[in-house]
PDB file of N, CA and C in Angstrom:
ATOM      1  N   MET A   1     118.826  79.524 106.968  1.00  0.00           N
ATOM      2  CA  MET A   1     118.113  80.762 107.199  1.00  0.00           C
ATOM      3  C   MET A   1     117.345  80.641 108.513  1.00  0.00           C
ATOM      4  N   THR A   2     117.332  81.676 109.253  1.00  0.00           N
ATOM      5  CA  THR A   2     116.667  81.695 110.548  1.00  0.00           C
ATOM      6  C   THR A   2     115.179  82.000 110.411  1.00  0.00           C
ATOM      7  N   ASP A   3     114.412  81.547 111.376  1.00  0.00           N
ATOM      8  CA  ASP A   3     112.983  81.861 111.404  1.00  0.00           C
ATOM      9  C   ASP A   3     112.711  83.185 112.110  1.00  0.00           C
ATOM     10  N   ASP A   4     113.733  83.792 112.684  1.00  0.00           N
ATOM     11  CA  ASP A   4     113.580  85.050 113.417  1.00  0.00           C
ATOM     12  C   ASP A   4     113.613  86.224 112.439  1.00  0.00           C
ATOM     13  N   PRO A   5     112.459  86.902 112.199  1.00  0.00           N
ATOM     14  CA  PRO A   5     112.436  88.020 111.242  1.00  0.00           C
ATOM     15  C   PRO A   5     113.434  89.120 111.571  1.00  0.00           C
ATOM     16  N   ALA A   6     113.777  89.279 112.837  1.00  0.00           N
ATOM     17  CA  ALA A   6     114.747  90.313 113.207  1.00  0.00           C
ATOM     18  C   ALA A   6     116.124  90.017 112.625  1.00  0.00           C
ATOM     19  N   MET A   7     116.361  88.774 112.262  1.00  0.00           N
ATOM     20  CA  MET A   7     117.666  88.377 111.722  1.00  0.00           C
ATOM     21  C   MET A   7     117.699  88.406 110.200  1.00  0.00           C
ATOM     22  N   TRP A   8     116.549  88.614 109.558  1.00  0.00           N
ATOM     23  CA  TRP A   8     116.502  88.639 108.102  1.00  0.00           C
ATOM     24  C   TRP A   8     117.075  89.947 107.612  1.00  0.00           C
ATOM     25  N   LYS A   9     118.108  89.879 106.859  1.00  0.00           N
ATOM     26  CA  LYS A   9     118.658  91.082 106.239  1.00  0.00           C
ATOM     27  C   LYS A   9     119.432  90.676 105.004  1.00  0.00           C
ATOM     28  N   PRO A  10     119.478  91.542 104.024  1.00  0.00           N
ATOM     29  CA  PRO A  10     120.204  91.206 102.799  1.00  0.00           C
ATOM     30  C   PRO A  10     121.702  91.122 103.057  1.00  0.00           C
ATOM     31  N   ARG A  11     122.364  90.337 102.237  1.00  0.00           N
ATOM     32  CA  ARG A  11     123.825  90.229 102.340  1.00  0.00           C
ATOM     33  C   ARG A  11     124.515  91.428 101.721  1.00  0.00           C
ATOM     34  N   VAL A  12     123.769  92.206 100.953  1.00  0.00           N
ATOM     35  CA  VAL A  12     124.306  93.387 100.274  1.00  0.00           C
ATOM     36  C   VAL A  12     123.557  94.602 100.799  1.00  0.00           C
ATOM     37  N   ASP A  13     124.289  95.650 101.125  1.00  0.00           N
ATOM     38  CA  ASP A  13     123.640  96.874 101.606  1.00  0.00           C
ATOM     39  C   ASP A  13     122.821  97.518 100.498  1.00  0.00           C
ATOM     40  N   SER A  14     121.744  98.175 100.895  1.00  0.00           N
ATOM     41  CA  SER A  14     120.927  98.890  99.919  1.00  0.00           C
ATOM     42  C   SER A  14     121.617 100.183  99.507  1.00  0.00           C
ATOM     43  N   VAL A  15     121.121 100.758  98.453  1.00  0.00           N
ATOM     44  CA  VAL A  15     121.696 101.976  97.883  1.00  0.00           C
ATOM     45  C   VAL A  15     121.165 103.200  98.630  1.00  0.00           C
ATOM     46  N   ASP A  16     121.925 104.276  98.610  1.00  0.00           N
ATOM     47  CA  ASP A  16     121.457 105.564  99.127  1.00  0.00           C
ATOM     48  C   ASP A  16     120.560 106.170  98.053  1.00  0.00           C
ATOM     49  N   ILE A  17     119.264 106.173  98.289  1.00  0.00           N
ATOM     50  CA  ILE A  17     118.300 106.625  97.282  1.00  0.00           C
ATOM     51  C   ILE A  17     118.576 108.053  96.844  1.00  0.00           C
ATOM     52  N   GLY A  18     119.039 108.884  97.758  1.00  0.00           N
ATOM     53  CA  GLY A  18     119.335 110.276  97.426  1.00  0.00           C
ATOM     54  C   GLY A  18     120.457 110.440  96.420  1.00  0.00           C
ATOM     55  N   SER A  19     121.270 109.393  96.244  1.00  0.00           N
ATOM     56  CA  SER A  19     122.385 109.473  95.298  1.00  0.00           C
ATOM     57  C   SER A  19     121.991 109.034  93.888  1.00  0.00           C
ATOM     58  N   LEU A  20     120.752 108.606  93.710  1.00  0.00           N
ATOM     59  CA  LEU A  20     120.303 108.089  92.416  1.00  0.00           C
ATOM     60  C   LEU A  20     119.815 109.210  91.508  1.00  0.00           C
ATOM     61  N   SER A  21     119.634 108.855  90.240  1.00  0.00           N
ATOM     62  CA  SER A  21     119.098 109.815  89.270  1.00  0.00           C
ATOM     63  C   SER A  21     117.651 110.151  89.630  1.00  0.00           C
ATOM     64  N   GLU A  22     117.150 111.239  89.068  1.00  0.00           N
ATOM     65  CA  GLU A  22     115.759 111.637  89.326  1.00  0.00           C
ATOM     66  C   GLU A  22     114.788 110.540  88.903  1.00  0.00           C
ATOM     67  N   ARG A  23     115.072 109.902  87.784  1.00  0.00           N
ATOM     68  CA  ARG A  23     114.206 108.826  87.280  1.00  0.00           C
ATOM     69  C   ARG A  23     114.096 107.700  88.310  1.00  0.00           C
ATOM     70  N   GLU A  24     115.244 107.291  88.847  1.00  0.00           N
ATOM     71  CA  GLU A  24     115.247 106.204  89.821  1.00  0.00           C
ATOM     72  C   GLU A  24     114.604 106.644  91.135  1.00  0.00           C
ATOM     73  N   GLN A  25     114.833 107.886  91.529  1.00  0.00           N
ATOM     74  CA  GLN A  25     114.212 108.391  92.751  1.00  0.00           C
ATOM     75  C   GLN A  25     112.690 108.413  92.624  1.00  0.00           C
ATOM     76  N   ARG A  26     112.182 108.701  91.419  1.00  0.00           N
ATOM     77  CA  ARG A  26     110.729 108.693  91.197  1.00  0.00           C
ATOM     78  C   ARG A  26     110.156 107.287  91.393  1.00  0.00           C
ATOM     79  N   VAL A  27     110.909 106.280  90.939  1.00  0.00           N
ATOM     80  CA  VAL A  27     110.451 104.900  91.126  1.00  0.00           C
ATOM     81  C   VAL A  27     110.268 104.625  92.617  1.00  0.00           C
ATOM     82  N   PHE A  28     111.262 105.017  93.411  1.00  0.00           N
ATOM     83  CA  PHE A  28     111.176 104.770  94.850  1.00  0.00           C
ATOM     84  C   PHE A  28     110.088 105.618  95.504  1.00  0.00           C
ATOM     85  N   ALA A  29     109.906 106.837  95.052  1.00  0.00           N
ATOM     86  CA  ALA A  29     108.834 107.687  95.593  1.00  0.00           C
ATOM     87  C   ALA A  29     107.476 107.047  95.324  1.00  0.00           C
ATOM     88  N   ASN A  30     107.304 106.469  94.145  1.00  0.00           N
ATOM     89  CA  ASN A  30     106.044 105.793  93.816  1.00  0.00           C
ATOM     90  C   ASN A  30     105.845 104.546  94.676  1.00  0.00           C
ATOM     91  N   GLN A  31     106.940 103.839  94.973  1.00  0.00           N
ATOM     92  CA  GLN A  31     106.834 102.673  95.847  1.00  0.00           C
ATOM     93  C   GLN A  31     106.392 103.089  97.251  1.00  0.00           C
ATOM     94  N   VAL A  32     106.928 104.196  97.734  1.00  0.00           N
ATOM     95  CA  VAL A  32     106.533 104.695  99.059  1.00  0.00           C
ATOM     96  C   VAL A  32     105.046 105.040  99.062  1.00  0.00           C
ATOM     97  N   LYS A  33     104.568 105.679  97.990  1.00  0.00           N
ATOM     98  CA  LYS A  33     103.142 106.017  97.900  1.00  0.00           C
ATOM     99  C   LYS A  33     102.277 104.760  97.897  1.00  0.00           C
ATOM    100  N   LYS A  34     102.716 103.745  97.148  1.00  0.00           N
ATOM    101  CA  LYS A  34     101.901 102.545  96.975  1.00  0.00           C
ATOM    102  C   LYS A  34     101.994 101.583  98.155  1.00  0.00           C
ATOM    103  N   TRP A  35     103.230 101.359  98.671  1.00  0.00           N
ATOM    104  CA  TRP A  35     103.431 100.332  99.694  1.00  0.00           C
ATOM    105  C   TRP A  35     103.899 100.882 101.048  1.00  0.00           C
ATOM    106  N   GLY A  36     104.128 102.178 101.135  1.00  0.00           N
ATOM    107  CA  GLY A  36     104.538 102.764 102.406  1.00  0.00           C
ATOM    108  C   GLY A  36     106.034 102.803 102.649  1.00  0.00           C
ATOM    109  N   ALA A  37     106.802 102.154 101.783  1.00  0.00           N
ATOM    110  CA  ALA A  37     108.265 102.142 101.910  1.00  0.00           C
ATOM    111  C   ALA A  37     108.858 101.666 100.589  1.00  0.00           C
ATOM    112  N   PRO A  38     110.116 102.010 100.327  1.00  0.00           N
ATOM    113  CA  PRO A  38     110.764 101.483  99.126  1.00  0.00           C
ATOM    114  C   PRO A  38     110.938  99.968  99.250  1.00  0.00           C
ATOM    115  N   LEU A  39     110.816  99.270  98.152  1.00  0.00           N
ATOM    116  CA  LEU A  39     111.001  97.820  98.165  1.00  0.00           C
ATOM    117  C   LEU A  39     112.478  97.494  98.349  1.00  0.00           C
ATOM    118  N   ALA A  40     112.767  96.622  99.313  1.00  0.00           N
ATOM    119  CA  ALA A  40     114.156  96.317  99.674  1.00  0.00           C
ATOM    120  C   ALA A  40     114.941  95.728  98.503  1.00  0.00           C
ATOM    121  N   ASN A  41     114.321  94.820  97.753  1.00  0.00           N
ATOM    122  CA  ASN A  41     115.064  94.215  96.647  1.00  0.00           C
ATOM    123  C   ASN A  41     115.429  95.251  95.587  1.00  0.00           C
ATOM    124  N   HIS A  42     114.562  96.226  95.355  1.00  0.00           N
ATOM    125  CA  HIS A  42     114.863  97.267  94.367  1.00  0.00           C
ATOM    126  C   HIS A  42     115.979  98.175  94.856  1.00  0.00           C
ATOM    127  N   GLN A  43     116.072  98.355  96.171  1.00  0.00           N
ATOM    128  CA  GLN A  43     117.164  99.157  96.715  1.00  0.00           C
ATOM    129  C   GLN A  43     118.506  98.473  96.469  1.00  0.00           C
ATOM    130  N   ILE A  44     118.491  97.156  96.455  1.00  0.00           N
ATOM    131  CA  ILE A  44     119.727  96.418  96.167  1.00  0.00           C
ATOM    132  C   ILE A  44     119.991  96.428  94.665  1.00  0.00           C
ATOM    133  N   TYR A  45     118.969  96.180  93.851  1.00  0.00           N
ATOM    134  CA  TYR A  45     119.140  96.229  92.395  1.00  0.00           C
ATOM    135  C   TYR A  45     119.678  97.584  91.951  1.00  0.00           C
ATOM    136  N   ALA A  46     119.245  98.645  92.616  1.00  0.00           N
ATOM    137  CA  ALA A  46     119.617 100.005  92.204  1.00  0.00           C
ATOM    138  C   ALA A  46     121.098 100.303  92.410  1.00  0.00           C
ATOM    139  N   ARG A  47     121.819  99.431  93.096  1.00  0.00           N
ATOM    140  CA  ARG A  47     123.271  99.618  93.221  1.00  0.00           C
ATOM    141  C   ARG A  47     123.940  99.535  91.846  1.00  0.00           C
ATOM    142  N   VAL A  48     123.282  98.799  90.926  1.00  0.00           N
ATOM    143  CA  VAL A  48     123.768  98.693  89.546  1.00  0.00           C
ATOM    144  C   VAL A  48     122.597  99.108  88.652  1.00  0.00           C
ATOM    145  N   PRO A  49     122.607 100.350  88.151  1.00  0.00           N
ATOM    146  CA  PRO A  49     121.451 100.861  87.402  1.00  0.00           C
ATOM    147  C   PRO A  49     120.981  99.961  86.261  1.00  0.00           C
ATOM    148  N   SER A  50     121.890  99.321  85.539  1.00  0.00           N
ATOM    149  CA  SER A  50     121.451  98.470  84.431  1.00  0.00           C
ATOM    150  C   SER A  50     120.636  97.279  84.939  1.00  0.00           C
ATOM    151  N   ILE A  51     120.983  96.740  86.095  1.00  0.00           N
ATOM    152  CA  ILE A  51     120.205  95.642  86.684  1.00  0.00           C
ATOM    153  C   ILE A  51     118.856  96.168  87.171  1.00  0.00           C
ATOM    154  N   PHE A  52     118.865  97.329  87.809  1.00  0.00           N
ATOM    155  CA  PHE A  52     117.631  97.955  88.293  1.00  0.00           C
ATOM    156  C   PHE A  52     116.655  98.169  87.142  1.00  0.00           C
ATOM    157  N   HIS A  53     117.139  98.760  86.056  1.00  0.00           N
ATOM    158  CA  HIS A  53     116.267  99.035  84.913  1.00  0.00           C
ATOM    159  C   HIS A  53     115.838  97.741  84.230  1.00  0.00           C
ATOM    160  N   GLY A  54     116.720  96.740  84.225  1.00  0.00           N
ATOM    161  CA  GLY A  54     116.362  95.449  83.648  1.00  0.00           C
ATOM    162  C   GLY A  54     115.241  94.766  84.420  1.00  0.00           C
ATOM    163  N   ALA A  55     115.332  94.798  85.745  1.00  0.00           N
ATOM    164  CA  ALA A  55     114.286  94.195  86.582  1.00  0.00           C
ATOM    165  C   ALA A  55     112.965  94.938  86.397  1.00  0.00           C
ATOM    166  N   GLN A  56     113.034  96.264  86.374  1.00  0.00           N
ATOM    167  CA  GLN A  56     111.832  97.071  86.150  1.00  0.00           C
ATOM    168  C   GLN A  56     111.214  96.728  84.789  1.00  0.00           C
ATOM    169  N   GLY A  57     112.068  96.618  83.783  1.00  0.00           N
ATOM    170  CA  GLY A  57     111.600  96.312  82.435  1.00  0.00           C
ATOM    171  C   GLY A  57     110.967  94.940  82.331  1.00  0.00           C
ATOM    172  N   MET A  58     111.545  93.965  83.059  1.00  0.00           N
ATOM    173  CA  MET A  58     110.993  92.615  83.027  1.00  0.00           C
ATOM    174  C   MET A  58     109.560  92.616  83.565  1.00  0.00           C
ATOM    175  N   TRP A  59     109.345  93.241  84.730  1.00  0.00           N
ATOM    176  CA  TRP A  59     108.001  93.246  85.309  1.00  0.00           C
ATOM    177  C   TRP A  59     107.036  94.063  84.459  1.00  0.00           C
ATOM    178  N   ARG A  60     107.509  95.166  83.916  1.00  0.00           N
ATOM    179  CA  ARG A  60     106.656  95.983  83.043  1.00  0.00           C
ATOM    180  C   ARG A  60     106.285  95.174  81.794  1.00  0.00           C
ATOM    181  N   GLY A  61     107.263  94.483  81.219  1.00  0.00           N
ATOM    182  CA  GLY A  61     107.017  93.679  80.028  1.00  0.00           C
ATOM    183  C   GLY A  61     106.047  92.540  80.282  1.00  0.00           C
ATOM    184  N   LEU A  62     106.198  91.880  81.422  1.00  0.00           N
ATOM    185  CA  LEU A  62     105.261  90.810  81.762  1.00  0.00           C
ATOM    186  C   LEU A  62     103.847  91.355  81.923  1.00  0.00           C
ATOM    187  N   GLY A  63     103.737  92.516  82.536  1.00  0.00           N
ATOM    188  CA  GLY A  63     102.421  93.113  82.743  1.00  0.00           C
ATOM    189  C   GLY A  63     101.768  93.583  81.462  1.00  0.00           C
ATOM    190  N   GLU A  64     102.576  94.098  80.543  1.00  0.00           N
ATOM    191  CA  GLU A  64     102.040  94.685  79.315  1.00  0.00           C
ATOM    192  C   GLU A  64     101.895  93.697  78.166  1.00  0.00           C
ATOM    193  N   SER A  65     102.572  92.552  78.238  1.00  0.00           N
ATOM    194  CA  SER A  65     102.602  91.638  77.096  1.00  0.00           C
ATOM    195  C   SER A  65     101.252  91.001  76.798  1.00  0.00           C
ATOM    196  N   GLY A  66     100.481  90.751  77.842  1.00  0.00           N
ATOM    197  CA  GLY A  66      99.214  90.068  77.642  1.00  0.00           C
ATOM    198  C   GLY A  66      99.363  88.568  77.476  1.00  0.00           C
ATOM    199  N   HIS A  67     100.592  88.048  77.533  1.00  0.00           N
ATOM    200  CA  HIS A  67     100.817  86.613  77.360  1.00  0.00           C
ATOM    201  C   HIS A  67     100.559  85.819  78.632  1.00  0.00           C
ATOM    202  N   LEU A  68     100.649  86.489  79.782  1.00  0.00           N
ATOM    203  CA  LEU A  68     100.413  85.814  81.048  1.00  0.00           C
ATOM    204  C   LEU A  68      99.268  86.499  81.783  1.00  0.00           C
ATOM    205  N   ASP A  69      98.406  85.685  82.351  1.00  0.00           N
ATOM    206  CA  ASP A  69      97.327  86.202  83.174  1.00  0.00           C
ATOM    207  C   ASP A  69      97.926  86.937  84.383  1.00  0.00           C
ATOM    208  N   GLY A  70      97.254  87.980  84.840  1.00  0.00           N
ATOM    209  CA  GLY A  70      97.747  88.766  85.971  1.00  0.00           C
ATOM    210  C   GLY A  70      98.023  87.926  87.206  1.00  0.00           C
ATOM    211  N   ALA A  71      97.179  86.917  87.452  1.00  0.00           N
ATOM    212  CA  ALA A  71      97.381  86.043  88.613  1.00  0.00           C
ATOM    213  C   ALA A  71      98.675  85.247  88.470  1.00  0.00           C
ATOM    214  N   LEU A  72      98.988  84.818  87.252  1.00  0.00           N
ATOM    215  CA  LEU A  72     100.222  84.070  87.029  1.00  0.00           C
ATOM    216  C   LEU A  72     101.444  84.967  87.206  1.00  0.00           C
ATOM    217  N   VAL A  73     101.350  86.215  86.780  1.00  0.00           N
ATOM    218  CA  VAL A  73     102.448  87.170  86.987  1.00  0.00           C
ATOM    219  C   VAL A  73     102.672  87.370  88.486  1.00  0.00           C
ATOM    220  N   THR A  74     101.590  87.422  89.256  1.00  0.00           N
ATOM    221  CA  THR A  74     101.709  87.568  90.708  1.00  0.00           C
ATOM    222  C   THR A  74     102.401  86.355  91.317  1.00  0.00           C
ATOM    223  N   ILE A  75     102.040  85.160  90.874  1.00  0.00           N
ATOM    224  CA  ILE A  75     102.694  83.942  91.362  1.00  0.00           C
ATOM    225  C   ILE A  75     104.170  83.957  90.985  1.00  0.00           C
ATOM    226  N   LEU A  76     104.478  84.348  89.764  1.00  0.00           N
ATOM    227  CA  LEU A  76     105.864  84.441  89.316  1.00  0.00           C
ATOM    228  C   LEU A  76     106.639  85.434  90.176  1.00  0.00           C
ATOM    229  N   ASN A  77     106.022  86.562  90.472  1.00  0.00           N
ATOM    230  CA  ASN A  77     106.651  87.573  91.319  1.00  0.00           C
ATOM    231  C   ASN A  77     106.994  86.979  92.686  1.00  0.00           C
ATOM    232  N   ARG A  78     106.067  86.239  93.280  1.00  0.00           N
ATOM    233  CA  ARG A  78     106.312  85.619  94.590  1.00  0.00           C
ATOM    234  C   ARG A  78     107.445  84.602  94.508  1.00  0.00           C
ATOM    235  N   ARG A  79     107.474  83.834  93.431  1.00  0.00           N
ATOM    236  CA  ARG A  79     108.528  82.819  93.286  1.00  0.00           C
ATOM    237  C   ARG A  79     109.893  83.483  93.173  1.00  0.00           C
ATOM    238  N   VAL A  80     109.991  84.532  92.384  1.00  0.00           N
ATOM    239  CA  VAL A  80     111.256  85.272  92.260  1.00  0.00           C
ATOM    240  C   VAL A  80     111.642  85.847  93.616  1.00  0.00           C
ATOM    241  N   ALA A  81     110.673  86.363  94.354  1.00  0.00           N
ATOM    242  CA  ALA A  81     110.953  86.918  95.682  1.00  0.00           C
ATOM    243  C   ALA A  81     111.517  85.846  96.609  1.00  0.00           C
ATOM    244  N   ILE A  82     110.945  84.651  96.563  1.00  0.00           N
ATOM    245  CA  ILE A  82     111.443  83.558  97.398  1.00  0.00           C
ATOM    246  C   ILE A  82     112.875  83.206  97.016  1.00  0.00           C
ATOM    247  N   ILE A  83     113.141  83.102  95.725  1.00  0.00           N
ATOM    248  CA  ILE A  83     114.495  82.782  95.258  1.00  0.00           C
ATOM    249  C   ILE A  83     115.485  83.842  95.716  1.00  0.00           C
ATOM    250  N   ASN A  84     115.061  85.113  95.693  1.00  0.00           N
ATOM    251  CA  ASN A  84     115.937  86.217  96.100  1.00  0.00           C
ATOM    252  C   ASN A  84     116.036  86.365  97.614  1.00  0.00           C
ATOM    253  N   GLY A  85     115.279  85.585  98.354  1.00  0.00           N
ATOM    254  CA  GLY A  85     115.307  85.683  99.807  1.00  0.00           C
ATOM    255  C   GLY A  85     114.484  86.830 100.357  1.00  0.00           C
ATOM    256  N   CYS A  86     113.573  87.356  99.550  1.00  0.00           N
ATOM    257  CA  CYS A  86     112.710  88.451  99.995  1.00  0.00           C
ATOM    258  C   CYS A  86     111.667  87.903 100.961  1.00  0.00           C
ATOM    259  N   VAL A  87     111.457  88.601 102.050  1.00  0.00           N
ATOM    260  CA  VAL A  87     110.494  88.138 103.047  1.00  0.00           C
ATOM    261  C   VAL A  87     109.089  88.654 102.788  1.00  0.00           C
ATOM    262  N   PHE A  88     108.911  89.444 101.726  1.00  0.00           N
ATOM    263  CA  PHE A  88     107.645  90.084 101.375  1.00  0.00           C
ATOM    264  C   PHE A  88     106.654  89.910 102.468  1.00  0.00           C
TER     265      PHE A  88
END
């Protein structure tokens, strides 16, 4: 992997958000409100709706379960991002 951020790009193209269901488009609209842009990894997950919904469900479940402290969920999120090659 290169250290040049201009060279960082996913190996898989992101999805056309306009082609998604209203439910999925709302997720991306909320990401734009919160972070200023859709999250790149979610754009790739959304190419396969079952994977997209599974990833969303995993993070929602971790947040709602109460089994992990919020700080630990944040660390887990960063670790998954690193494994996925996300430059967050």
